[in-house]
Amino acid sequence: EIDHRENTPEGRERLLALSKRYGLALTGSSDYH
């Protein structure tokens, strides 16, 4: 889950790299409560 308000900008970059390396899908959502 990459598009989430609590992920940091540098963390998002790390997730993008992991996604490319391992072929993982990327999702986005609100985590609405």
PDB file of all heavy atoms in Angstrom:
ATOM      1  N   GLU A   1       0.861  -1.176   0.000  1.00  0.00           N
ATOM      2  CA  GLU A   1       0.000   0.000   0.000  1.00  0.00           C
ATOM      3  C   GLU A   1       0.906   1.236   0.000  1.00  0.00           C
ATOM      4  O   GLU A   1       1.413   1.651   1.038  1.00  0.00           O
ATOM      5  CB  GLU A   1      -0.903  -0.017   1.240  1.00  0.00           C
ATOM      6  CG  GLU A   1      -1.948   1.090   1.250  1.00  0.00           C
ATOM      7  CD  GLU A   1      -2.768   1.063   2.530  1.00  0.00           C
ATOM      8  OE1 GLU A   1      -2.168   1.043   3.631  1.00  0.00           O
ATOM      9  OE2 GLU A   1      -4.008   1.063   2.428  1.00  0.00           O
ATOM     10  N   ILE A   2       1.097   1.829  -1.173  1.00  0.00           N
ATOM     11  CA  ILE A   2       2.045   2.932  -1.307  1.00  0.00           C
ATOM     12  C   ILE A   2       1.383   4.287  -1.136  1.00  0.00           C
ATOM     13  O   ILE A   2       1.953   5.197  -0.525  1.00  0.00           O
ATOM     14  CB  ILE A   2       2.793   2.848  -2.658  1.00  0.00           C
ATOM     15  CG1 ILE A   2       3.904   3.900  -2.708  1.00  0.00           C
ATOM     16  CG2 ILE A   2       1.833   2.984  -3.832  1.00  0.00           C
ATOM     17  CD1 ILE A   2       4.834   3.739  -3.905  1.00  0.00           C
ATOM     18  N   ASP A   3       0.183   4.447  -1.682  1.00  0.00           N
ATOM     19  CA  ASP A   3      -0.507   5.732  -1.586  1.00  0.00           C
ATOM     20  C   ASP A   3      -1.363   5.755  -0.329  1.00  0.00           C
ATOM     21  O   ASP A   3      -2.519   5.336  -0.320  1.00  0.00           O
ATOM     22  CB  ASP A   3      -1.358   5.975  -2.841  1.00  0.00           C
ATOM     23  CG  ASP A   3      -0.503   6.225  -4.074  1.00  0.00           C
ATOM     24  OD1 ASP A   3       0.579   6.813  -3.914  1.00  0.00           O
ATOM     25  OD2 ASP A   3      -0.902   5.814  -5.179  1.00  0.00           O
ATOM     26  N   HIS A   4      -0.745   6.236   0.740  1.00  0.00           N
ATOM     27  CA  HIS A   4      -1.373   6.329   2.061  1.00  0.00           C
ATOM     28  C   HIS A   4      -0.753   7.527   2.748  1.00  0.00           C
ATOM     29  O   HIS A   4       0.462   7.740   2.686  1.00  0.00           O
ATOM     30  CB  HIS A   4      -1.114   5.052   2.861  1.00  0.00           C
ATOM     31  CG  HIS A   4      -1.803   4.994   4.179  1.00  0.00           C
ATOM     32  ND1 HIS A   4      -1.410   5.745   5.272  1.00  0.00           N
ATOM     33  CD2 HIS A   4      -2.872   4.259   4.613  1.00  0.00           C
ATOM     34  CE1 HIS A   4      -2.196   5.478   6.304  1.00  0.00           C
ATOM     35  NE2 HIS A   4      -3.088   4.589   5.927  1.00  0.00           N
ATOM     36  N   ARG A   5      -1.553   8.318   3.418  1.00  0.00           N
ATOM     37  CA  ARG A   5      -1.065   9.585   3.971  1.00  0.00           C
ATOM     38  C   ARG A   5       0.058   9.424   4.997  1.00  0.00           C
ATOM     39  O   ARG A   5       0.810  10.373   5.238  1.00  0.00           O
ATOM     40  CB  ARG A   5      -2.207  10.393   4.576  1.00  0.00           C
ATOM     41  CG  ARG A   5      -2.861   9.758   5.789  1.00  0.00           C
ATOM     42  CD  ARG A   5      -3.664  10.765   6.593  1.00  0.00           C
ATOM     43  NE  ARG A   5      -4.725  11.429   5.836  1.00  0.00           N
ATOM     44  CZ  ARG A   5      -5.255  12.597   6.186  1.00  0.00           C
ATOM     45  NH1 ARG A   5      -4.842  13.209   7.287  1.00  0.00           N
ATOM     46  NH2 ARG A   5      -6.213  13.134   5.475  1.00  0.00           N
ATOM     47  N   GLU A   6       0.201   8.240   5.601  1.00  0.00           N
ATOM     48  CA  GLU A   6       1.226   8.070   6.621  1.00  0.00           C
ATOM     49  C   GLU A   6       2.566   7.600   6.065  1.00  0.00           C
ATOM     50  O   GLU A   6       3.573   7.628   6.782  1.00  0.00           O
ATOM     51  CB  GLU A   6       0.730   7.110   7.705  1.00  0.00           C
ATOM     52  CG  GLU A   6      -0.451   7.648   8.497  1.00  0.00           C
ATOM     53  CD  GLU A   6      -0.966   6.674   9.533  1.00  0.00           C
ATOM     54  OE1 GLU A   6      -0.229   5.725   9.870  1.00  0.00           O
ATOM     55  OE2 GLU A   6      -2.107   6.846   9.988  1.00  0.00           O
ATOM     56  N   ASN A   7       2.619   7.169   4.817  1.00  0.00           N
ATOM     57  CA  ASN A   7       3.901   6.801   4.222  1.00  0.00           C
ATOM     58  C   ASN A   7       4.729   8.062   3.972  1.00  0.00           C
ATOM     59  O   ASN A   7       4.218   9.060   3.449  1.00  0.00           O
ATOM     60  CB  ASN A   7       3.700   6.065   2.897  1.00  0.00           C
ATOM     61  CG  ASN A   7       3.230   4.636   3.079  1.00  0.00           C
ATOM     62  OD1 ASN A   7       3.506   3.999   4.092  1.00  0.00           O
ATOM     63  ND2 ASN A   7       2.506   4.124   2.091  1.00  0.00           N
ATOM     64  N   THR A   8       6.000   8.017   4.330  1.00  0.00           N
ATOM     65  CA  THR A   8       6.868   9.164   4.114  1.00  0.00           C
ATOM     66  C   THR A   8       7.308   9.225   2.650  1.00  0.00           C
ATOM     67  O   THR A   8       7.301   8.207   1.954  1.00  0.00           O
ATOM     68  CB  THR A   8       8.112   9.072   5.003  1.00  0.00           C
ATOM     69  OG1 THR A   8       8.876   7.919   4.603  1.00  0.00           O
ATOM     70  CG2 THR A   8       7.736   8.953   6.469  1.00  0.00           C
ATOM     71  N   PRO A   9       7.731  10.405   2.160  1.00  0.00           N
ATOM     72  CA  PRO A   9       8.216  10.495   0.772  1.00  0.00           C
ATOM     73  C   PRO A   9       9.380   9.548   0.501  1.00  0.00           C
ATOM     74  O   PRO A   9       9.410   8.858  -0.530  1.00  0.00           O
ATOM     75  CB  PRO A   9       8.640  11.966   0.648  1.00  0.00           C
ATOM     76  CG  PRO A   9       7.776  12.691   1.623  1.00  0.00           C
ATOM     77  CD  PRO A   9       7.627  11.744   2.791  1.00  0.00           C
ATOM     78  N   GLU A  10      10.342   9.496   1.422  1.00  0.00           N
ATOM     79  CA  GLU A  10      11.472   8.585   1.223  1.00  0.00           C
ATOM     80  C   GLU A  10      11.023   7.123   1.321  1.00  0.00           C
ATOM     81  O   GLU A  10      11.551   6.241   0.631  1.00  0.00           O
ATOM     82  CB  GLU A  10      12.594   8.871   2.218  1.00  0.00           C
ATOM     83  CG  GLU A  10      12.227   8.763   3.687  1.00  0.00           C
ATOM     84  CD  GLU A  10      11.660  10.034   4.299  1.00  0.00           C
ATOM     85  OE1 GLU A  10      11.136  10.885   3.546  1.00  0.00           O
ATOM     86  OE2 GLU A  10      11.735  10.170   5.541  1.00  0.00           O
ATOM     87  N   GLY A  11      10.030   6.873   2.170  1.00  0.00           N
ATOM     88  CA  GLY A  11       9.482   5.525   2.272  1.00  0.00           C
ATOM     89  C   GLY A  11       8.796   5.098   0.998  1.00  0.00           C
ATOM     90  O   GLY A  11       8.900   3.935   0.572  1.00  0.00           O
ATOM     91  N   ARG A  12       8.087   6.008   0.370  1.00  0.00           N
ATOM     92  CA  ARG A  12       7.423   5.705  -0.906  1.00  0.00           C
ATOM     93  C   ARG A  12       8.453   5.324  -1.971  1.00  0.00           C
ATOM     94  O   ARG A  12       8.221   4.413  -2.774  1.00  0.00           O
ATOM     95  CB  ARG A  12       6.592   6.898  -1.367  1.00  0.00           C
ATOM     96  CG  ARG A  12       5.298   7.084  -0.591  1.00  0.00           C
ATOM     97  CD  ARG A  12       4.637   8.412  -0.947  1.00  0.00           C
ATOM     98  NE  ARG A  12       4.585   8.620  -2.376  1.00  0.00           N
ATOM     99  CZ  ARG A  12       3.632   8.130  -3.175  1.00  0.00           C
ATOM    100  NH1 ARG A  12       2.643   7.420  -2.657  1.00  0.00           N
ATOM    101  NH2 ARG A  12       3.658   8.357  -4.466  1.00  0.00           N
ATOM    102  N   GLU A  13       9.579   6.032  -1.974  1.00  0.00           N
ATOM    103  CA  GLU A  13      10.627   5.695  -2.937  1.00  0.00           C
ATOM    104  C   GLU A  13      11.144   4.287  -2.688  1.00  0.00           C
ATOM    105  O   GLU A  13      11.413   3.528  -3.631  1.00  0.00           O
ATOM    106  CB  GLU A  13      11.773   6.709  -2.838  1.00  0.00           C
ATOM    107  CG  GLU A  13      11.419   8.094  -3.343  1.00  0.00           C
ATOM    108  CD  GLU A  13      11.005   8.085  -4.797  1.00  0.00           C
ATOM    109  OE1 GLU A  13      11.675   7.408  -5.607  1.00  0.00           O
ATOM    110  OE2 GLU A  13       9.999   8.759  -5.137  1.00  0.00           O
ATOM    111  N   ARG A  14      11.287   3.922  -1.418  1.00  0.00           N
ATOM    112  CA  ARG A  14      11.743   2.577  -1.084  1.00  0.00           C
ATOM    113  C   ARG A  14      10.722   1.531  -1.532  1.00  0.00           C
ATOM    114  O   ARG A  14      11.076   0.461  -2.032  1.00  0.00           O
ATOM    115  CB  ARG A  14      12.009   2.473   0.419  1.00  0.00           C
ATOM    116  CG  ARG A  14      12.650   1.159   0.835  1.00  0.00           C
ATOM    117  CD  ARG A  14      13.139   1.199   2.277  1.00  0.00           C
ATOM    118  NE  ARG A  14      12.039   1.241   3.242  1.00  0.00           N
ATOM    119  CZ  ARG A  14      11.707   2.304   3.937  1.00  0.00           C
ATOM    120  NH1 ARG A  14      12.361   3.440   3.777  1.00  0.00           N
ATOM    121  NH2 ARG A  14      10.708   2.262   4.802  1.00  0.00           N
ATOM    122  N   LEU A  15       9.433   1.836  -1.342  1.00  0.00           N
ATOM    123  CA  LEU A  15       8.394   0.902  -1.766  1.00  0.00           C
ATOM    124  C   LEU A  15       8.384   0.731  -3.281  1.00  0.00           C
ATOM    125  O   LEU A  15       8.178  -0.388  -3.792  1.00  0.00           O
ATOM    126  CB  LEU A  15       7.024   1.382  -1.277  1.00  0.00           C
ATOM    127  CG  LEU A  15       6.815   1.439   0.238  1.00  0.00           C
ATOM    128  CD1 LEU A  15       5.402   1.911   0.566  1.00  0.00           C
ATOM    129  CD2 LEU A  15       7.097   0.093   0.892  1.00  0.00           C
ATOM    130  N   LEU A  16       8.582   1.834  -4.010  1.00  0.00           N
ATOM    131  CA  LEU A  16       8.654   1.734  -5.469  1.00  0.00           C
ATOM    132  C   LEU A  16       9.785   0.817  -5.896  1.00  0.00           C
ATOM    133  O   LEU A  16       9.628  -0.013  -6.801  1.00  0.00           O
ATOM    134  CB  LEU A  16       8.847   3.124  -6.078  1.00  0.00           C
ATOM    135  CG  LEU A  16       7.601   4.000  -6.227  1.00  0.00           C
ATOM    136  CD1 LEU A  16       8.005   5.416  -6.627  1.00  0.00           C
ATOM    137  CD2 LEU A  16       6.651   3.406  -7.260  1.00  0.00           C
ATOM    138  N   ALA A  17      10.933   0.955  -5.236  1.00  0.00           N
ATOM    139  CA  ALA A  17      12.076   0.114  -5.574  1.00  0.00           C
ATOM    140  C   ALA A  17      11.792  -1.354  -5.266  1.00  0.00           C
ATOM    141  O   ALA A  17      12.131  -2.246  -6.065  1.00  0.00           O
ATOM    142  CB  ALA A  17      13.317   0.597  -4.808  1.00  0.00           C
ATOM    143  N   LEU A  18      11.169  -1.622  -4.118  1.00  0.00           N
ATOM    144  CA  LEU A  18      10.824  -3.003  -3.765  1.00  0.00           C
ATOM    145  C   LEU A  18       9.814  -3.571  -4.746  1.00  0.00           C
ATOM    146  O   LEU A  18       9.887  -4.752  -5.124  1.00  0.00           O
ATOM    147  CB  LEU A  18      10.269  -3.056  -2.341  1.00  0.00           C
ATOM    148  CG  LEU A  18      11.271  -2.793  -1.211  1.00  0.00           C
ATOM    149  CD1 LEU A  18      10.544  -2.691   0.126  1.00  0.00           C
ATOM    150  CD2 LEU A  18      12.326  -3.897  -1.163  1.00  0.00           C
ATOM    151  N   SER A  19       8.853  -2.747  -5.159  1.00  0.00           N
ATOM    152  CA  SER A  19       7.845  -3.198  -6.121  1.00  0.00           C
ATOM    153  C   SER A  19       8.495  -3.626  -7.429  1.00  0.00           C
ATOM    154  O   SER A  19       8.145  -4.674  -7.996  1.00  0.00           O
ATOM    155  CB  SER A  19       6.835  -2.073  -6.365  1.00  0.00           C
ATOM    156  OG  SER A  19       6.002  -2.381  -7.462  1.00  0.00           O
ATOM    157  N   LYS A  20       9.433  -2.820  -7.894  1.00  0.00           N
ATOM    158  CA  LYS A  20      10.103  -3.148  -9.160  1.00  0.00           C
ATOM    159  C   LYS A  20      10.970  -4.392  -9.013  1.00  0.00           C
ATOM    160  O   LYS A  20      11.030  -5.240  -9.913  1.00  0.00           O
ATOM    161  CB  LYS A  20      10.941  -1.958  -9.612  1.00  0.00           C
ATOM    162  CG  LYS A  20      10.109  -0.757 -10.044  1.00  0.00           C
ATOM    163  CD  LYS A  20      10.988   0.435 -10.378  1.00  0.00           C
ATOM    164  CE  LYS A  20      10.141   1.642 -10.770  1.00  0.00           C
ATOM    165  NZ  LYS A  20      10.968   2.847 -11.039  1.00  0.00           N
ATOM    166  N   ARG A  21      11.645  -4.499  -7.892  1.00  0.00           N
ATOM    167  CA  ARG A  21      12.559  -5.625  -7.701  1.00  0.00           C
ATOM    168  C   ARG A  21      11.819  -6.950  -7.600  1.00  0.00           C
ATOM    169  O   ARG A  21      12.263  -7.968  -8.143  1.00  0.00           O
ATOM    170  CB  ARG A  21      13.399  -5.404  -6.448  1.00  0.00           C
ATOM    171  CG  ARG A  21      14.372  -6.541  -6.151  1.00  0.00           C
ATOM    172  CD  ARG A  21      15.231  -6.243  -4.938  1.00  0.00           C
ATOM    173  NE  ARG A  21      16.130  -7.351  -4.638  1.00  0.00           N
ATOM    174  CZ  ARG A  21      16.958  -7.370  -3.602  1.00  0.00           C
ATOM    175  NH1 ARG A  21      17.025  -6.333  -2.772  1.00  0.00           N
ATOM    176  NH2 ARG A  21      17.725  -8.420  -3.390  1.00  0.00           N
ATOM    177  N   TYR A  22      10.680  -6.950  -6.900  1.00  0.00           N
ATOM    178  CA  TYR A  22       9.984  -8.207  -6.609  1.00  0.00           C
ATOM    179  C   TYR A  22       8.682  -8.394  -7.394  1.00  0.00           C
ATOM    180  O   TYR A  22       7.996  -9.397  -7.201  1.00  0.00           O
ATOM    181  CB  TYR A  22       9.682  -8.292  -5.115  1.00  0.00           C
ATOM    182  CG  TYR A  22      10.914  -8.447  -4.258  1.00  0.00           C
ATOM    183  CD1 TYR A  22      11.454  -7.357  -3.574  1.00  0.00           C
ATOM    184  CD2 TYR A  22      11.553  -9.684  -4.142  1.00  0.00           C
ATOM    185  CE1 TYR A  22      12.589  -7.495  -2.781  1.00  0.00           C
ATOM    186  CE2 TYR A  22      12.693  -9.825  -3.363  1.00  0.00           C
ATOM    187  CZ  TYR A  22      13.207  -8.734  -2.686  1.00  0.00           C
ATOM    188  OH  TYR A  22      14.326  -8.864  -1.912  1.00  0.00           O
ATOM    189  N   GLY A  23       8.334  -7.445  -8.246  1.00  0.00           N
ATOM    190  CA  GLY A  23       7.113  -7.579  -9.025  1.00  0.00           C
ATOM    191  C   GLY A  23       5.846  -7.447  -8.203  1.00  0.00           C
ATOM    192  O   GLY A  23       4.843  -8.114  -8.485  1.00  0.00           O
ATOM    193  N   LEU A  24       5.889  -6.600  -7.188  1.00  0.00           N
ATOM    194  CA  LEU A  24       4.738  -6.430  -6.302  1.00  0.00           C
ATOM    195  C   LEU A  24       3.796  -5.356  -6.834  1.00  0.00           C
ATOM    196  O   LEU A  24       4.223  -4.333  -7.374  1.00  0.00           O
ATOM    197  CB  LEU A  24       5.209  -6.039  -4.903  1.00  0.00           C
ATOM    198  CG  LEU A  24       5.961  -7.122  -4.134  1.00  0.00           C
ATOM    199  CD1 LEU A  24       6.675  -6.515  -2.936  1.00  0.00           C
ATOM    200  CD2 LEU A  24       4.992  -8.216  -3.678  1.00  0.00           C
ATOM    201  N   ALA A  25       2.509  -5.583  -6.652  1.00  0.00           N
ATOM    202  CA  ALA A  25       1.508  -4.590  -7.021  1.00  0.00           C
ATOM    203  C   ALA A  25       1.538  -3.431  -6.029  1.00  0.00           C
ATOM    204  O   ALA A  25       1.954  -3.590  -4.875  1.00  0.00           O
ATOM    205  CB  ALA A  25       0.125  -5.235  -7.046  1.00  0.00           C
ATOM    206  N   LEU A  26       1.083  -2.272  -6.480  1.00  0.00           N
ATOM    207  CA  LEU A  26       1.006  -1.084  -5.630  1.00  0.00           C
ATOM    208  C   LEU A  26      -0.439  -0.628  -5.518  1.00  0.00           C
ATOM    209  O   LEU A  26      -1.144  -0.522  -6.530  1.00  0.00           O
ATOM    210  CB  LEU A  26       1.857   0.048  -6.215  1.00  0.00           C
ATOM    211  CG  LEU A  26       3.364  -0.222  -6.266  1.00  0.00           C
ATOM    212  CD1 LEU A  26       4.084   0.890  -7.025  1.00  0.00           C
ATOM    213  CD2 LEU A  26       3.939  -0.356  -4.861  1.00  0.00           C
ATOM    214  N   THR A  27      -0.892  -0.401  -4.296  1.00  0.00           N
ATOM    215  CA  THR A  27      -2.270   0.025  -4.065  1.00  0.00           C
ATOM    216  C   THR A  27      -2.288   1.381  -3.368  1.00  0.00           C
ATOM    217  O   THR A  27      -1.277   1.852  -2.864  1.00  0.00           O
ATOM    218  CB  THR A  27      -3.035  -0.993  -3.198  1.00  0.00           C
ATOM    219  OG1 THR A  27      -2.497  -0.968  -1.860  1.00  0.00           O
ATOM    220  CG2 THR A  27      -2.941  -2.402  -3.768  1.00  0.00           C
ATOM    221  N   GLY A  28      -3.470   1.993  -3.362  1.00  0.00           N
ATOM    222  CA  GLY A  28      -3.665   3.248  -2.651  1.00  0.00           C
ATOM    223  C   GLY A  28      -5.025   3.264  -2.004  1.00  0.00           C
ATOM    224  O   GLY A  28      -5.983   2.698  -2.545  1.00  0.00           O
ATOM    225  N   SER A  29      -5.122   3.890  -0.840  1.00  0.00           N
ATOM    226  CA  SER A  29      -6.396   3.887  -0.125  1.00  0.00           C
ATOM    227  C   SER A  29      -6.371   4.907   0.999  1.00  0.00           C
ATOM    228  O   SER A  29      -5.342   5.507   1.303  1.00  0.00           O
ATOM    229  CB  SER A  29      -6.691   2.487   0.427  1.00  0.00           C
ATOM    230  OG  SER A  29      -5.563   1.941   1.061  1.00  0.00           O
ATOM    231  N   SER A  30      -7.531   5.072   1.630  1.00  0.00           N
ATOM    232  CA  SER A  30      -7.672   6.149   2.604  1.00  0.00           C
ATOM    233  C   SER A  30      -7.380   5.737   4.037  1.00  0.00           C
ATOM    234  O   SER A  30      -6.945   6.551   4.840  1.00  0.00           O
ATOM    235  CB  SER A  30      -9.098   6.700   2.548  1.00  0.00           C
ATOM    236  OG  SER A  30     -10.040   5.708   2.961  1.00  0.00           O
ATOM    237  N   ASP A  31      -7.658   4.472   4.400  1.00  0.00           N
ATOM    238  CA  ASP A  31      -7.611   4.049   5.810  1.00  0.00           C
ATOM    239  C   ASP A  31      -8.652   4.850   6.597  1.00  0.00           C
ATOM    240  O   ASP A  31      -8.391   5.333   7.696  1.00  0.00           O
ATOM    241  CB  ASP A  31      -6.215   4.236   6.383  1.00  0.00           C
ATOM    242  CG  ASP A  31      -5.966   3.440   7.657  1.00  0.00           C
ATOM    243  OD1 ASP A  31      -6.897   2.737   8.098  1.00  0.00           O
ATOM    244  OD2 ASP A  31      -4.860   3.538   8.207  1.00  0.00           O
ATOM    245  N   TYR A  32      -9.837   4.953   6.019  1.00  0.00           N
ATOM    246  CA  TYR A  32     -10.926   5.752   6.583  1.00  0.00           C
ATOM    247  C   TYR A  32     -11.464   5.137   7.873  1.00  0.00           C
ATOM    248  O   TYR A  32     -11.662   3.928   7.955  1.00  0.00           O
ATOM    249  CB  TYR A  32     -12.039   5.833   5.548  1.00  0.00           C
ATOM    250  CG  TYR A  32     -13.291   6.559   5.954  1.00  0.00           C
ATOM    251  CD1 TYR A  32     -13.302   7.939   6.091  1.00  0.00           C
ATOM    252  CD2 TYR A  32     -14.479   5.864   6.152  1.00  0.00           C
ATOM    253  CE1 TYR A  32     -14.470   8.617   6.427  1.00  0.00           C
ATOM    254  CE2 TYR A  32     -15.647   6.527   6.484  1.00  0.00           C
ATOM    255  CZ  TYR A  32     -15.634   7.906   6.621  1.00  0.00           C
ATOM    256  OH  TYR A  32     -16.799   8.558   6.957  1.00  0.00           O
ATOM    257  N   HIS A  33     -11.680   5.993   8.885  1.00  0.00           N
ATOM    258  CA  HIS A  33     -12.243   5.556  10.165  1.00  0.00           C
ATOM    259  C   HIS A  33     -13.451   6.405  10.558  1.00  0.00           C
ATOM    260  O   HIS A  33     -13.768   6.522  11.743  1.00  0.00           O
ATOM    261  CB  HIS A  33     -11.201   5.669  11.278  1.00  0.00           C
ATOM    262  CG  HIS A  33     -10.155   4.601  11.273  1.00  0.00           C
ATOM    263  ND1 HIS A  33      -9.196   4.488  10.292  1.00  0.00           N
ATOM    264  CD2 HIS A  33      -9.911   3.587  12.155  1.00  0.00           C
ATOM    265  CE1 HIS A  33      -8.403   3.465  10.570  1.00  0.00           C
ATOM    266  NE2 HIS A  33      -8.812   2.900  11.689  1.00  0.00           N
TER     267      HIS A  33
END
